[in-house]
Amino acid sequence: MAIIRVKNLLVRTYIGFNPEELVNKQDVIINLEIEAGIPARAMETDEPDGIFDYKTITKKVIALVQEGRFKLLEVLTQKILDTIMEDELVRRARVEVDKPHALRFAESVSCEMEAER
């Protein structure tokens, strides 16, 4: 079993429900932690057959976020988690999404969600 982390993925999207947020994209920072099994065959041969493809899932997450419009940070986080959990090789996943400068005196606001099989 392996834990794969994608750290500080920076993507721009529409996030929020204030008037300026509905018309201006903002940065979000995404951190993923994905637990997936590794076939013994892959460990023996050093070939990627049958392993979890973190590049493909990252591209799906980027497309989801860039193409979407979200009022709630919680909804965005859940949709990312659902996308990751579609892959049958994933046993557990944790997603954290930060919205920088969402509050005047805070660096960011984040939402974290987790799922497992």
C-alpha atoms as a PDB file:
ATOM      1  CA  MET A   1       0.000   0.000   0.000  1.00  0.00           C
ATOM      2  CA  ALA A   2       1.177   3.533  -0.734  1.00  0.00           C
ATOM      3  CA  ILE A   3       0.124   6.991   0.336  1.00  0.00           C
ATOM      4  CA  ILE A   4       0.439   9.443  -2.518  1.00  0.00           C
ATOM      5  CA  ARG A   5       0.347  13.167  -1.803  1.00  0.00           C
ATOM      6  CA  VAL A   6      -0.197  15.968  -4.269  1.00  0.00           C
ATOM      7  CA  LYS A   7       0.840  19.143  -2.481  1.00  0.00           C
ATOM      8  CA  ASN A   8      -0.170  22.748  -3.092  1.00  0.00           C
ATOM      9  CA  LEU A   9      -1.857  22.332  -6.452  1.00  0.00           C
ATOM     10  CA  LEU A  10      -2.735  25.900  -7.459  1.00  0.00           C
ATOM     11  CA  VAL A  11      -5.840  26.241  -9.650  1.00  0.00           C
ATOM     12  CA  ARG A  12      -8.067  29.189 -10.574  1.00  0.00           C
ATOM     13  CA  THR A  13     -11.836  28.892 -10.393  1.00  0.00           C
ATOM     14  CA  TYR A  14     -15.031  30.726  -9.602  1.00  0.00           C
ATOM     15  CA  ILE A  15     -15.569  30.229  -5.874  1.00  0.00           C
ATOM     16  CA  GLY A  16     -17.939  32.145  -3.640  1.00  0.00           C
ATOM     17  CA  PHE A  17     -21.274  33.888  -3.778  1.00  0.00           C
ATOM     18  CA  ASN A  18     -20.394  37.550  -3.297  1.00  0.00           C
ATOM     19  CA  PRO A  19     -20.981  39.655  -6.445  1.00  0.00           C
ATOM     20  CA  GLU A  20     -17.262  40.067  -7.249  1.00  0.00           C
ATOM     21  CA  GLU A  21     -16.647  36.337  -6.706  1.00  0.00           C
ATOM     22  CA  LEU A  22     -19.294  35.439  -9.276  1.00  0.00           C
ATOM     23  CA  VAL A  23     -17.427  37.273 -12.046  1.00  0.00           C
ATOM     24  CA  ASN A  24     -13.743  36.929 -11.056  1.00  0.00           C
ATOM     25  CA  LYS A  25     -11.788  33.710 -10.805  1.00  0.00           C
ATOM     26  CA  GLN A  26      -9.779  33.148  -7.636  1.00  0.00           C
ATOM     27  CA  ASP A  27      -6.921  30.880  -6.677  1.00  0.00           C
ATOM     28  CA  VAL A  28      -7.530  27.784  -4.627  1.00  0.00           C
ATOM     29  CA  ILE A  29      -4.798  25.561  -3.241  1.00  0.00           C
ATOM     30  CA  ILE A  30      -5.532  21.848  -3.239  1.00  0.00           C
ATOM     31  CA  ASN A  31      -3.800  19.141  -1.234  1.00  0.00           C
ATOM     32  CA  LEU A  32      -4.581  15.497  -1.880  1.00  0.00           C
ATOM     33  CA  GLU A  33      -3.674  12.413   0.126  1.00  0.00           C
ATOM     34  CA  ILE A  34      -4.557   9.166  -1.610  1.00  0.00           C
ATOM     35  CA  GLU A  35      -4.055   5.655  -0.265  1.00  0.00           C
ATOM     36  CA  ALA A  36      -3.881   2.979  -2.930  1.00  0.00           C
ATOM     37  CA  GLY A  37      -2.690  -0.571  -3.202  1.00  0.00           C
ATOM     38  CA  ILE A  38       0.368  -1.448  -5.244  1.00  0.00           C
ATOM     39  CA  PRO A  39       0.256  -4.717  -7.166  1.00  0.00           C
ATOM     40  CA  ALA A  40       3.166  -7.046  -6.332  1.00  0.00           C
ATOM     41  CA  ARG A  41       3.780  -7.339 -10.077  1.00  0.00           C
ATOM     42  CA  ALA A  42       4.533  -3.609 -10.282  1.00  0.00           C
ATOM     43  CA  MET A  43       6.981  -3.791  -7.371  1.00  0.00           C
ATOM     44  CA  GLU A  44       8.789  -6.750  -8.946  1.00  0.00           C
ATOM     45  CA  THR A  45       8.968  -5.418 -12.506  1.00  0.00           C
ATOM     46  CA  ASP A  46       9.149  -1.642 -11.881  1.00  0.00           C
ATOM     47  CA  GLU A  47       6.440  -1.259 -14.524  1.00  0.00           C
ATOM     48  CA  PRO A  48       3.313   0.873 -14.032  1.00  0.00           C
ATOM     49  CA  ASP A  49       0.780  -1.801 -15.018  1.00  0.00           C
ATOM     50  CA  GLY A  50      -2.137  -1.841 -12.605  1.00  0.00           C
ATOM     51  CA  ILE A  51      -1.000   1.004 -10.372  1.00  0.00           C
ATOM     52  CA  PHE A  52      -2.904   4.120  -9.345  1.00  0.00           C
ATOM     53  CA  ASP A  53      -2.156   6.895 -11.856  1.00  0.00           C
ATOM     54  CA  TYR A  54      -1.712  10.131  -9.911  1.00  0.00           C
ATOM     55  CA  LYS A  55      -1.032  12.136 -13.072  1.00  0.00           C
ATOM     56  CA  THR A  56      -4.402  11.217 -14.571  1.00  0.00           C
ATOM     57  CA  ILE A  57      -6.348  11.961 -11.380  1.00  0.00           C
ATOM     58  CA  THR A  58      -4.564  15.298 -10.985  1.00  0.00           C
ATOM     59  CA  LYS A  59      -5.563  16.272 -14.523  1.00  0.00           C
ATOM     60  CA  LYS A  60      -9.192  15.345 -13.749  1.00  0.00           C
ATOM     61  CA  VAL A  61      -9.133  17.460 -10.597  1.00  0.00           C
ATOM     62  CA  ILE A  62      -7.655  20.439 -12.452  1.00  0.00           C
ATOM     63  CA  ALA A  63     -10.307  20.188 -15.191  1.00  0.00           C
ATOM     64  CA  LEU A  64     -13.122  19.882 -12.632  1.00  0.00           C
ATOM     65  CA  VAL A  65     -11.967  22.945 -10.721  1.00  0.00           C
ATOM     66  CA  GLN A  66     -11.073  25.155 -13.695  1.00  0.00           C
ATOM     67  CA  GLU A  67     -14.294  24.444 -15.566  1.00  0.00           C
ATOM     68  CA  GLY A  68     -16.619  24.647 -12.563  1.00  0.00           C
ATOM     69  CA  ARG A  69     -18.413  27.366 -10.654  1.00  0.00           C
ATOM     70  CA  PHE A  70     -18.821  26.842  -6.933  1.00  0.00           C
ATOM     71  CA  LYS A  71     -20.547  28.951  -4.313  1.00  0.00           C
ATOM     72  CA  LEU A  72     -19.386  26.833  -1.383  1.00  0.00           C
ATOM     73  CA  LEU A  73     -15.889  25.646  -0.554  1.00  0.00           C
ATOM     74  CA  GLU A  74     -17.483  22.544   0.948  1.00  0.00           C
ATOM     75  CA  VAL A  75     -19.129  21.612  -2.365  1.00  0.00           C
ATOM     76  CA  LEU A  76     -15.869  22.054  -4.283  1.00  0.00           C
ATOM     77  CA  THR A  77     -14.034  19.871  -1.758  1.00  0.00           C
ATOM     78  CA  GLN A  78     -16.675  17.121  -1.948  1.00  0.00           C
ATOM     79  CA  LYS A  79     -16.659  17.106  -5.762  1.00  0.00           C
ATOM     80  CA  ILE A  80     -12.876  16.681  -5.795  1.00  0.00           C
ATOM     81  CA  LEU A  81     -13.136  13.846  -3.270  1.00  0.00           C
ATOM     82  CA  ASP A  82     -15.874  12.153  -5.329  1.00  0.00           C
ATOM     83  CA  THR A  83     -13.698  12.377  -8.452  1.00  0.00           C
ATOM     84  CA  ILE A  84     -10.795  10.679  -6.687  1.00  0.00           C
ATOM     85  CA  MET A  85     -12.986   7.959  -5.175  1.00  0.00           C
ATOM     86  CA  GLU A  86     -14.268   6.988  -8.648  1.00  0.00           C
ATOM     87  CA  ASP A  87     -10.982   5.108  -9.123  1.00  0.00           C
ATOM     88  CA  GLU A  88     -11.433   1.584  -7.730  1.00  0.00           C
ATOM     89  CA  LEU A  89      -7.760   1.408  -6.727  1.00  0.00           C
ATOM     90  CA  VAL A  90      -8.257   4.169  -4.138  1.00  0.00           C
ATOM     91  CA  ARG A  91      -8.830   2.836  -0.631  1.00  0.00           C
ATOM     92  CA  ARG A  92      -8.884   6.166   1.180  1.00  0.00           C
ATOM     93  CA  ALA A  93      -8.574   9.796   0.174  1.00  0.00           C
ATOM     94  CA  ARG A  94      -8.316  13.104   1.967  1.00  0.00           C
ATOM     95  CA  VAL A  95      -8.797  16.447   0.238  1.00  0.00           C
ATOM     96  CA  GLU A  96      -8.053  19.899   1.607  1.00  0.00           C
ATOM     97  CA  VAL A  97      -8.938  23.015  -0.367  1.00  0.00           C
ATOM     98  CA  ASP A  98      -7.661  26.415   0.728  1.00  0.00           C
ATOM     99  CA  LYS A  99      -9.197  29.694  -0.389  1.00  0.00           C
ATOM    100  CA  PRO A 100      -6.445  32.290   0.178  1.00  0.00           C
ATOM    101  CA  HIS A 101      -7.452  35.679   1.574  1.00  0.00           C
ATOM    102  CA  ALA A 102     -11.090  34.680   2.073  1.00  0.00           C
ATOM    103  CA  LEU A 103     -11.066  36.510   5.397  1.00  0.00           C
ATOM    104  CA  ARG A 104      -9.511  39.899   5.989  1.00  0.00           C
ATOM    105  CA  PHE A 105      -7.071  38.924   8.747  1.00  0.00           C
ATOM    106  CA  ALA A 106      -6.445  35.283   7.764  1.00  0.00           C
ATOM    107  CA  GLU A 107      -4.017  33.793   5.283  1.00  0.00           C
ATOM    108  CA  SER A 108      -6.716  31.420   4.061  1.00  0.00           C
ATOM    109  CA  VAL A 109      -9.811  29.437   4.870  1.00  0.00           C
ATOM    110  CA  SER A 110      -9.797  25.724   4.130  1.00  0.00           C
ATOM    111  CA  CYS A 111     -12.152  22.781   4.025  1.00  0.00           C
ATOM    112  CA  GLU A 112     -10.994  19.189   4.495  1.00  0.00           C
ATOM    113  CA  MET A 113     -12.931  16.007   3.750  1.00  0.00           C
ATOM    114  CA  GLU A 114     -12.060  12.333   3.770  1.00  0.00           C
ATOM    115  CA  ALA A 115     -13.565   9.103   2.425  1.00  0.00           C
ATOM    116  CA  GLU A 116     -12.626   5.425   2.488  1.00  0.00           C
ATOM    117  CA  ARG A 117     -13.821   2.108   1.160  1.00  0.00           C
END
